[in-house]
Amino acid sequence: METEWTEERVQRITTENITLEQRVRQLTADNRTVDERLKAVRSNVRFQDRRIADLEARLADPESET
């Protein structure tokens, strides 16, 4: 690799590297946000599942509410 690196080429690669680093940071932040939302949705679904199971149990045995 005895290639001469021109100033223009070095600048282009440096700029691309900076752009890629920024993109990685943005994607990491986006991934974190999506992960937090997914955890919240899963929690909500678990709550709703328990609520549905409770309502189904009440419908199956309405006498047990007393």
N, C-alpha and C. Protein backbone atom coordinates (compact mmCIF):
# COMPACT_ATOMS: atom_id res chain seq x y z
N MET A 1 0.83 -1.19 0.00
CA MET A 1 0.00 0.00 0.00
C MET A 1 0.87 1.25 0.00
N GLU A 2 1.56 1.40 -1.05
CA GLU A 2 2.46 2.54 -1.20
C GLU A 2 1.77 3.69 -1.93
N THR A 3 0.47 3.82 -1.75
CA THR A 3 -0.30 4.84 -2.45
C THR A 3 -0.12 6.20 -1.78
N GLU A 4 0.02 7.18 -2.59
CA GLU A 4 0.07 8.55 -2.07
C GLU A 4 -1.35 9.01 -1.73
N TRP A 5 -1.52 9.56 -0.59
CA TRP A 5 -2.82 10.06 -0.17
C TRP A 5 -2.85 11.57 -0.41
N THR A 6 -3.75 11.97 -1.27
CA THR A 6 -3.88 13.40 -1.54
C THR A 6 -4.64 14.04 -0.38
N GLU A 7 -4.45 15.32 -0.24
CA GLU A 7 -5.16 16.07 0.81
C GLU A 7 -6.67 15.96 0.63
N GLU A 8 -7.09 16.00 -0.62
CA GLU A 8 -8.52 15.90 -0.92
C GLU A 8 -9.07 14.53 -0.49
N ARG A 9 -8.32 13.50 -0.76
CA ARG A 9 -8.75 12.15 -0.39
C ARG A 9 -8.80 11.98 1.13
N VAL A 10 -7.80 12.49 1.80
CA VAL A 10 -7.78 12.42 3.26
C VAL A 10 -8.98 13.18 3.83
N GLN A 11 -9.26 14.36 3.29
CA GLN A 11 -10.39 15.17 3.76
C GLN A 11 -11.70 14.45 3.53
N ARG A 12 -11.85 13.83 2.36
CA ARG A 12 -13.09 13.11 2.05
C ARG A 12 -13.30 11.93 3.01
N ILE A 13 -12.25 11.19 3.25
CA ILE A 13 -12.35 10.04 4.15
C ILE A 13 -12.63 10.49 5.58
N THR A 14 -11.98 11.57 5.99
CA THR A 14 -12.22 12.11 7.33
C THR A 14 -13.67 12.56 7.48
N THR A 15 -14.18 13.23 6.47
CA THR A 15 -15.58 13.69 6.50
C THR A 15 -16.54 12.50 6.54
N GLU A 16 -16.27 11.49 5.72
CA GLU A 16 -17.11 10.30 5.73
C GLU A 16 -17.08 9.61 7.09
N ASN A 17 -15.90 9.56 7.68
CA ASN A 17 -15.76 8.93 9.00
C ASN A 17 -16.57 9.68 10.05
N ILE A 18 -16.49 10.99 10.03
CA ILE A 18 -17.25 11.80 10.99
C ILE A 18 -18.75 11.57 10.78
N THR A 19 -19.18 11.55 9.52
CA THR A 19 -20.59 11.32 9.20
C THR A 19 -21.04 9.96 9.70
N LEU A 20 -20.21 8.94 9.47
CA LEU A 20 -20.57 7.59 9.93
C LEU A 20 -20.62 7.51 11.46
N GLU A 21 -19.70 8.17 12.13
CA GLU A 21 -19.72 8.17 13.60
C GLU A 21 -20.99 8.84 14.13
N GLN A 22 -21.39 9.93 13.48
CA GLN A 22 -22.63 10.60 13.89
C GLN A 22 -23.83 9.70 13.64
N ARG A 23 -23.81 9.00 12.53
CA ARG A 23 -24.92 8.08 12.20
C ARG A 23 -25.00 6.94 13.22
N VAL A 24 -23.84 6.42 13.61
CA VAL A 24 -23.82 5.35 14.62
C VAL A 24 -24.40 5.86 15.93
N ARG A 25 -24.01 7.07 16.34
CA ARG A 25 -24.56 7.65 17.58
C ARG A 25 -26.07 7.81 17.49
N GLN A 26 -26.55 8.29 16.33
CA GLN A 26 -27.99 8.49 16.14
C GLN A 26 -28.72 7.15 16.17
N LEU A 27 -28.19 6.16 15.48
CA LEU A 27 -28.83 4.84 15.46
C LEU A 27 -28.82 4.21 16.85
N THR A 28 -27.75 4.41 17.60
CA THR A 28 -27.69 3.88 18.96
C THR A 28 -28.76 4.53 19.83
N ALA A 29 -28.92 5.84 19.70
CA ALA A 29 -29.95 6.55 20.47
C ALA A 29 -31.34 6.09 20.03
N ASP A 30 -31.54 5.94 18.74
CA ASP A 30 -32.83 5.47 18.23
C ASP A 30 -33.13 4.06 18.74
N ASN A 31 -32.13 3.22 18.74
CA ASN A 31 -32.29 1.85 19.22
C ASN A 31 -32.67 1.85 20.70
N ARG A 32 -32.04 2.70 21.48
CA ARG A 32 -32.36 2.81 22.90
C ARG A 32 -33.80 3.24 23.10
N THR A 33 -34.24 4.23 22.31
CA THR A 33 -35.62 4.71 22.41
C THR A 33 -36.62 3.61 22.06
N VAL A 34 -36.34 2.89 20.98
CA VAL A 34 -37.24 1.80 20.56
C VAL A 34 -37.26 0.71 21.63
N ASP A 35 -36.10 0.40 22.20
CA ASP A 35 -36.04 -0.61 23.25
C ASP A 35 -36.86 -0.20 24.47
N GLU A 36 -36.77 1.07 24.87
CA GLU A 36 -37.57 1.55 26.00
C GLU A 36 -39.06 1.46 25.70
N ARG A 37 -39.44 1.82 24.49
CA ARG A 37 -40.86 1.74 24.10
C ARG A 37 -41.33 0.29 24.09
N LEU A 38 -40.49 -0.60 23.59
CA LEU A 38 -40.83 -2.02 23.56
C LEU A 38 -41.05 -2.55 24.97
N LYS A 39 -40.18 -2.17 25.90
CA LYS A 39 -40.33 -2.61 27.29
C LYS A 39 -41.64 -2.09 27.88
N ALA A 40 -41.99 -0.84 27.57
CA ALA A 40 -43.24 -0.27 28.07
C ALA A 40 -44.45 -1.00 27.48
N VAL A 41 -44.39 -1.29 26.21
CA VAL A 41 -45.50 -2.00 25.56
C VAL A 41 -45.65 -3.40 26.14
N ARG A 42 -44.53 -4.09 26.35
CA ARG A 42 -44.60 -5.43 26.92
C ARG A 42 -45.21 -5.39 28.32
N SER A 43 -44.83 -4.39 29.10
CA SER A 43 -45.39 -4.24 30.44
C SER A 43 -46.89 -4.01 30.36
N ASN A 44 -47.31 -3.16 29.44
CA ASN A 44 -48.72 -2.87 29.27
C ASN A 44 -49.49 -4.12 28.84
N VAL A 45 -48.90 -4.90 27.96
CA VAL A 45 -49.56 -6.12 27.49
C VAL A 45 -49.71 -7.11 28.65
N ARG A 46 -48.66 -7.23 29.49
CA ARG A 46 -48.77 -8.13 30.65
C ARG A 46 -49.89 -7.68 31.57
N PHE A 47 -50.01 -6.37 31.79
CA PHE A 47 -51.09 -5.84 32.63
C PHE A 47 -52.44 -6.16 32.01
N GLN A 48 -52.58 -5.93 30.71
CA GLN A 48 -53.83 -6.20 30.03
C GLN A 48 -54.17 -7.69 30.05
N ASP A 49 -53.16 -8.55 29.90
CA ASP A 49 -53.40 -10.00 29.98
C ASP A 49 -53.95 -10.40 31.35
N ARG A 50 -53.38 -9.82 32.40
CA ARG A 50 -53.88 -10.13 33.75
C ARG A 50 -55.30 -9.61 33.93
N ARG A 51 -55.58 -8.45 33.40
CA ARG A 51 -56.92 -7.87 33.49
C ARG A 51 -57.93 -8.74 32.74
N ILE A 52 -57.57 -9.18 31.55
CA ILE A 52 -58.46 -10.05 30.77
C ILE A 52 -58.70 -11.36 31.50
N ALA A 53 -57.64 -11.94 32.06
CA ALA A 53 -57.80 -13.20 32.80
C ALA A 53 -58.73 -13.01 33.98
N ASP A 54 -58.62 -11.88 34.67
CA ASP A 54 -59.52 -11.58 35.80
C ASP A 54 -60.96 -11.46 35.33
N LEU A 55 -61.17 -10.74 34.23
CA LEU A 55 -62.54 -10.58 33.72
C LEU A 55 -63.11 -11.92 33.23
N GLU A 56 -62.27 -12.74 32.60
CA GLU A 56 -62.74 -14.06 32.16
C GLU A 56 -63.13 -14.92 33.36
N ALA A 57 -62.35 -14.84 34.43
CA ALA A 57 -62.65 -15.61 35.64
C ALA A 57 -63.98 -15.15 36.24
N ARG A 58 -64.21 -13.85 36.23
CA ARG A 58 -65.48 -13.31 36.75
C ARG A 58 -66.66 -13.79 35.91
N LEU A 59 -66.48 -13.80 34.61
CA LEU A 59 -67.56 -14.25 33.73
C LEU A 59 -67.83 -15.76 33.91
N ALA A 60 -66.79 -16.52 34.15
CA ALA A 60 -66.94 -17.96 34.30
C ALA A 60 -67.61 -18.30 35.61
N ASP A 61 -67.42 -17.50 36.66
CA ASP A 61 -67.97 -17.80 37.97
C ASP A 61 -68.49 -16.51 38.61
N PRO A 62 -69.63 -16.01 38.15
CA PRO A 62 -70.15 -14.73 38.67
C PRO A 62 -70.51 -14.80 40.17
N GLU A 63 -70.71 -15.97 40.74
CA GLU A 63 -71.06 -16.12 42.15
C GLU A 63 -69.88 -15.80 43.05
N SER A 64 -68.66 -15.88 42.55
CA SER A 64 -67.49 -15.69 43.41
C SER A 64 -67.21 -14.21 43.70
N GLU A 65 -68.00 -13.30 43.14
CA GLU A 65 -67.79 -11.88 43.36
C GLU A 65 -68.31 -11.42 44.71
N THR A 66 -69.05 -12.22 45.40
CA THR A 66 -69.65 -11.80 46.66
C THR A 66 -68.70 -11.89 47.80
